[in-house]
Every structure is written in C-alpha cells, then in structure tokens.
Amino acid sequence: MKTWKYIVAVWMTLVISAGFLIRIPQIPILEETARNLFLHVPMWFTMMVAFAMAFYFSVRYLNDEHLSWDLKAETATMVGLLFGICGLLTGSLWAKFTWGTWWTFSEPRMNLSALAMLIFVAYFVLRSAFNDREKRAKISAVYNVFGVTTIPFLLYIIPRQLPSLHPGADGNPAFSDITAPELRLIFYPAVLGFIGLAFWLMDILKRYKQLELKTASNI
C-alpha cells in the first residue's frame, strides 16, 4: 500500500475520533447533532470533487477517445454517487433531529439533491444498456458532461431562490454563522480526509475494473 494511503487511514481515524470526543459549543436547535457537520458537509464537498473529476475525464475521452479516460470517468462518477448518497443519508438523519422528520418535500435542497443522485443512477443504467465498449464510452461521456453541469443548479443556484429550512437559505443562519472555531478545527481536516478517501476508492475501483476487463478478454 502506498504511503499516502496510510496517511489517509490515520488521518480519517484521528478526524472521526476527534469529531466524537471533543467538546463542542451548544448551538441552538443543533446541539450535539452539530457533530454531523464533520460528516454531512465534507461528503458533499467530496462528491463535488469526484463529479468534477468525472467531468474532466469525460471531456478528455471525447477529445481522444482513449478507453482509459472512460474507465476513470466511470470510477469517479461511482465514487461521487456513493458520497452523494451518504450525504443524503446523513442529511436525512440531521433533519430527523432538527426538523422532526426524516424527509420533507417542502425542503427544496433535499429533493433536488435526490434528483441529482437519480441523474447519476441513470448514468449507470445507460452504461449497462450497451455491450460495445466504445459506443458505451462515448454516449456515457456525453451524458456525464451534461449530468455534472446540472449539479451547481440543483444543489446551489435553484435552492437559494426558494424558501428553505436549510442553513444559508431564506434568512436562515449560513454555514459561517453556525460554525464555531472548535468545529472548524475538525471540519476542514475532515474535508481533506474524505477527499483523500475518495481518491483511495477511485484507485481501488479502477484497478478492479482493469482486472475485470483483463479477465474477460482472456476468456
């Protein structure tokens, strides 16, 4: 295992341990659930990084049509979707303790986030519809480019124009207003740690896919 992977493993162990053990300020309504800040928000940031990488790899494939770019785009999208789903789950958990419900259809950010994840579920459904690798790669790359460009609108631009319970929307306290210095000491390292974990997962998935393709070609 490469050195950077050991660093990520130790880093994440320290971040998660500190996130549960440190004393945090009692923020109204959030109280102890404010610790979810160390999980929920970094997961969304990591998702955005993974999708941005998928966008880049898809564009690179459309430029030179080398199948290695398609493989990288697929694994980056897979990791981005994983972190997006985890972000939805931790957000739903937070909603239960702060809003009294696991899900509310009156909260646009939750619903548009779910829609964004469905767009990328459809990406993998689309890939499964083609047996020809080159045709699958080209159509998937085009879909991915358009899919990723919807993310800023669905997760940031549109929700800010609608009434929302989410922090930073419709007069609710923004992230900077509820993040005490003690929380930031864990939050920013958590962002770096989750991004490092995402790179690790991409590497594992890429090597798995390469092995799968090599085994299939030898049959």
Protein backbone atom coordinates (compact mmCIF):
# COMPACT_ATOMS: atom_id res chain seq x y z
CA MET A 1 0.00 0.00 0.00
CA LYS A 2 1.31 3.43 -0.94
CA THR A 3 2.38 5.85 1.78
CA TRP A 4 -0.40 8.33 1.06
CA LYS A 5 -2.99 5.64 1.79
CA TYR A 6 -1.53 5.07 5.25
CA ILE A 7 -1.71 8.82 5.79
CA VAL A 8 -5.38 8.88 4.75
CA ALA A 9 -6.20 5.95 7.04
CA VAL A 10 -4.52 7.55 10.07
CA TRP A 11 -5.92 10.99 9.19
CA MET A 12 -9.51 9.75 8.98
CA THR A 13 -9.15 7.74 12.19
CA LEU A 14 -7.99 10.85 14.04
CA VAL A 15 -10.65 13.10 12.48
CA ILE A 16 -13.56 10.76 13.24
CA SER A 17 -12.31 10.06 16.76
CA ALA A 18 -11.85 13.77 17.48
CA GLY A 19 -15.22 14.55 15.95
CA PHE A 20 -16.97 12.35 18.51
CA LEU A 21 -14.75 13.11 21.50
CA ILE A 22 -14.17 16.87 21.52
CA ARG A 23 -16.43 19.21 23.45
CA ILE A 24 -18.49 21.37 21.13
CA PRO A 25 -20.46 24.57 21.81
CA GLN A 26 -24.20 24.21 22.33
CA ILE A 27 -25.64 25.70 19.15
CA PRO A 28 -29.41 26.34 19.40
CA ILE A 29 -31.54 23.59 17.79
CA LEU A 30 -28.48 21.68 16.52
CA GLU A 31 -26.92 20.94 19.94
CA GLU A 32 -24.99 17.63 19.79
CA THR A 33 -26.16 16.95 16.23
CA ALA A 34 -23.74 19.68 15.15
CA ARG A 35 -21.15 16.87 15.07
CA ASN A 36 -22.81 15.76 11.85
CA LEU A 37 -21.08 18.76 10.32
CA PHE A 38 -17.93 16.63 10.25
CA LEU A 39 -19.67 14.03 8.06
CA HIS A 40 -22.51 15.55 6.07
CA VAL A 41 -20.88 18.65 4.59
CA PRO A 42 -17.47 17.07 3.81
CA MET A 43 -19.31 14.28 1.99
CA TRP A 44 -20.99 16.82 -0.27
CA PHE A 45 -17.68 18.58 -0.91
CA THR A 46 -16.09 15.24 -1.77
CA MET A 47 -18.97 14.40 -4.08
CA MET A 48 -18.41 17.67 -5.94
CA VAL A 49 -14.69 16.93 -6.34
CA ALA A 50 -15.42 13.43 -7.65
CA PHE A 51 -18.03 14.68 -10.12
CA ALA A 52 -15.67 17.44 -11.28
CA MET A 53 -13.05 14.77 -11.96
CA ALA A 54 -15.65 12.67 -13.81
CA PHE A 55 -16.48 15.72 -15.93
CA TYR A 56 -12.79 16.22 -16.77
CA PHE A 57 -12.24 12.56 -17.65
CA SER A 58 -15.38 12.51 -19.81
CA VAL A 59 -14.22 15.57 -21.74
CA ARG A 60 -10.79 14.00 -22.18
CA TYR A 61 -12.40 10.87 -23.57
CA LEU A 62 -14.43 12.89 -26.08
CA ASN A 63 -11.21 14.57 -27.18
CA ASP A 64 -9.06 11.50 -27.84
CA GLU A 65 -11.42 8.51 -27.27
CA HIS A 66 -8.93 6.51 -25.23
CA LEU A 67 -10.87 3.98 -23.15
CA SER A 68 -8.72 4.61 -20.08
CA TRP A 69 -10.42 8.00 -19.73
CA ASP A 70 -13.81 6.30 -19.79
CA LEU A 71 -12.68 3.94 -17.04
CA LYS A 72 -11.53 6.87 -14.91
CA ALA A 73 -14.78 8.76 -15.57
CA GLU A 74 -16.83 5.72 -14.55
CA THR A 75 -14.94 5.19 -11.28
CA ALA A 76 -15.02 8.91 -10.40
CA THR A 77 -18.77 9.01 -11.04
CA MET A 78 -19.26 5.88 -8.96
CA VAL A 79 -17.39 7.39 -6.01
CA GLY A 80 -19.20 10.72 -6.42
CA LEU A 81 -22.56 8.94 -6.35
CA LEU A 82 -21.52 6.97 -3.26
CA PHE A 83 -20.62 10.13 -1.35
CA GLY A 84 -23.75 11.86 -2.62
CA ILE A 85 -25.96 9.07 -1.27
CA CYS A 86 -24.07 9.15 2.04
CA GLY A 87 -24.63 12.92 2.07
CA LEU A 88 -28.35 12.38 1.59
CA LEU A 89 -28.48 9.80 4.38
CA THR A 90 -26.59 11.97 6.88
CA GLY A 91 -28.74 14.93 5.85
CA SER A 92 -31.88 12.91 6.47
CA LEU A 93 -30.54 11.90 9.89
CA TRP A 94 -29.85 15.56 10.67
CA ALA A 95 -33.34 16.51 9.51
CA LYS A 96 -34.89 13.98 11.88
CA PHE A 97 -33.25 15.56 14.93
CA THR A 98 -33.53 19.22 13.89
CA TRP A 99 -36.76 19.36 11.87
CA GLY A 100 -38.54 16.35 13.39
CA THR A 101 -38.83 14.33 10.18
CA TRP A 102 -36.57 12.10 8.09
CA TRP A 103 -37.68 13.80 4.88
CA THR A 104 -39.79 16.78 3.93
CA PHE A 105 -40.99 17.53 0.44
CA SER A 106 -41.17 21.22 1.32
CA GLU A 107 -37.36 21.37 1.56
CA PRO A 108 -36.07 22.01 -1.98
CA ARG A 109 -32.42 21.22 -1.28
CA MET A 110 -33.23 17.69 -0.10
CA ASN A 111 -35.49 16.95 -3.05
CA LEU A 112 -33.19 18.45 -5.67
CA SER A 113 -30.24 16.59 -4.15
CA ALA A 114 -32.17 13.33 -4.51
CA LEU A 115 -32.94 14.26 -8.13
CA ALA A 116 -29.24 14.89 -8.75
CA MET A 117 -28.38 11.44 -7.43
CA LEU A 118 -31.03 9.87 -9.69
CA ILE A 119 -29.36 11.53 -12.68
CA PHE A 120 -26.19 9.61 -11.91
CA VAL A 121 -28.03 6.39 -11.17
CA ALA A 122 -29.38 6.79 -14.71
CA TYR A 123 -25.77 7.15 -15.91
CA PHE A 124 -25.03 3.59 -14.79
CA VAL A 125 -28.32 2.31 -16.17
CA LEU A 126 -27.34 3.88 -19.50
CA ARG A 127 -23.92 2.22 -19.41
CA SER A 128 -25.49 -1.18 -18.82
CA ALA A 129 -27.58 -0.79 -21.98
CA PHE A 130 -24.57 -1.09 -24.33
CA ASN A 131 -22.30 -4.07 -24.94
CA ASP A 132 -19.95 -2.27 -27.30
CA ARG A 133 -17.29 -0.56 -25.14
CA GLU A 134 -16.59 2.34 -27.48
CA LYS A 135 -20.23 3.17 -28.08
CA ARG A 136 -20.94 2.88 -24.35
CA ALA A 137 -17.98 5.10 -23.51
CA LYS A 138 -18.93 7.83 -25.99
CA ILE A 139 -22.61 8.02 -25.04
CA SER A 140 -21.77 7.83 -21.32
CA ALA A 141 -19.22 10.64 -21.66
CA VAL A 142 -21.74 12.93 -23.34
CA TYR A 143 -24.36 12.11 -20.71
CA ASN A 144 -21.86 12.66 -17.90
CA VAL A 145 -20.84 16.09 -19.18
CA PHE A 146 -24.45 17.26 -19.17
CA GLY A 147 -25.18 15.46 -15.89
CA VAL A 148 -22.36 17.14 -13.99
CA THR A 149 -23.32 20.59 -15.29
CA THR A 150 -26.73 20.21 -13.61
CA ILE A 151 -25.15 19.81 -10.15
CA PRO A 152 -24.46 23.53 -9.42
CA PHE A 153 -28.03 24.39 -10.42
CA LEU A 154 -29.70 21.59 -8.47
CA LEU A 155 -27.61 21.86 -5.32
CA TYR A 156 -26.84 25.57 -5.09
CA ILE A 157 -28.47 28.01 -7.51
CA ILE A 158 -32.10 26.82 -7.54
CA PRO A 159 -32.40 26.03 -3.79
CA ARG A 160 -31.18 29.54 -2.92
CA GLN A 161 -34.09 31.00 -4.87
CA LEU A 162 -36.72 29.05 -2.93
CA PRO A 163 -37.97 29.09 0.70
CA SER A 164 -35.90 26.61 2.66
CA LEU A 165 -35.14 25.35 6.16
CA HIS A 166 -31.56 24.67 5.18
CA PRO A 167 -28.78 26.86 6.65
CA GLY A 168 -27.92 29.78 4.41
CA ALA A 169 -31.32 29.93 2.70
CA ASP A 170 -34.31 32.22 3.14
CA GLY A 171 -32.88 34.09 6.11
CA ASN A 172 -31.66 31.00 7.99
CA PRO A 173 -28.18 31.20 9.53
CA ALA A 174 -25.46 30.48 6.99
CA PHE A 175 -22.72 27.93 7.46
CA SER A 176 -20.31 30.61 8.71
CA ASP A 177 -22.85 31.73 11.33
CA ILE A 178 -23.22 28.32 12.99
CA THR A 179 -19.65 27.05 12.66
CA ALA A 180 -17.76 27.81 15.86
CA PRO A 181 -13.93 27.79 15.83
CA GLU A 182 -13.91 24.44 17.65
CA LEU A 183 -15.95 22.88 14.86
CA ARG A 184 -13.77 24.30 12.13
CA LEU A 185 -10.70 22.65 13.65
CA ILE A 186 -12.27 19.29 12.78
CA PHE A 187 -14.35 20.29 9.77
CA TYR A 188 -11.54 21.34 7.42
CA PRO A 189 -9.36 18.30 8.17
CA ALA A 190 -12.49 16.16 7.62
CA VAL A 191 -12.94 17.67 4.15
CA LEU A 192 -9.33 16.82 3.26
CA GLY A 193 -9.67 13.35 4.74
CA PHE A 194 -12.85 12.47 2.84
CA ILE A 195 -11.35 13.73 -0.43
CA GLY A 196 -8.29 11.55 0.23
CA LEU A 197 -10.60 8.61 0.93
CA ALA A 198 -12.38 9.28 -2.37
CA PHE A 199 -9.08 9.09 -4.25
CA TRP A 200 -8.34 5.81 -2.48
CA LEU A 201 -11.72 4.36 -3.50
CA MET A 202 -11.22 5.52 -7.09
CA ASP A 203 -7.86 3.75 -7.19
CA ILE A 204 -9.38 0.51 -5.85
CA LEU A 205 -12.29 0.64 -8.29
CA LYS A 206 -10.05 1.46 -11.24
CA ARG A 207 -7.75 -1.49 -10.52
CA TYR A 208 -10.77 -3.76 -10.00
CA LYS A 209 -12.27 -2.68 -13.33
CA GLN A 210 -8.95 -3.18 -15.11
CA LEU A 211 -8.65 -6.67 -13.68
CA GLU A 212 -12.25 -7.43 -14.65
CA LEU A 213 -11.61 -6.32 -18.25
CA LYS A 214 -8.38 -8.30 -18.45
CA THR A 215 -10.11 -11.44 -17.14
CA ALA A 216 -12.99 -11.00 -19.60
CA SER A 217 -10.59 -10.60 -22.53
CA ASN A 218 -8.81 -13.86 -21.60
CA ILE A 219 -11.99 -15.92 -21.55
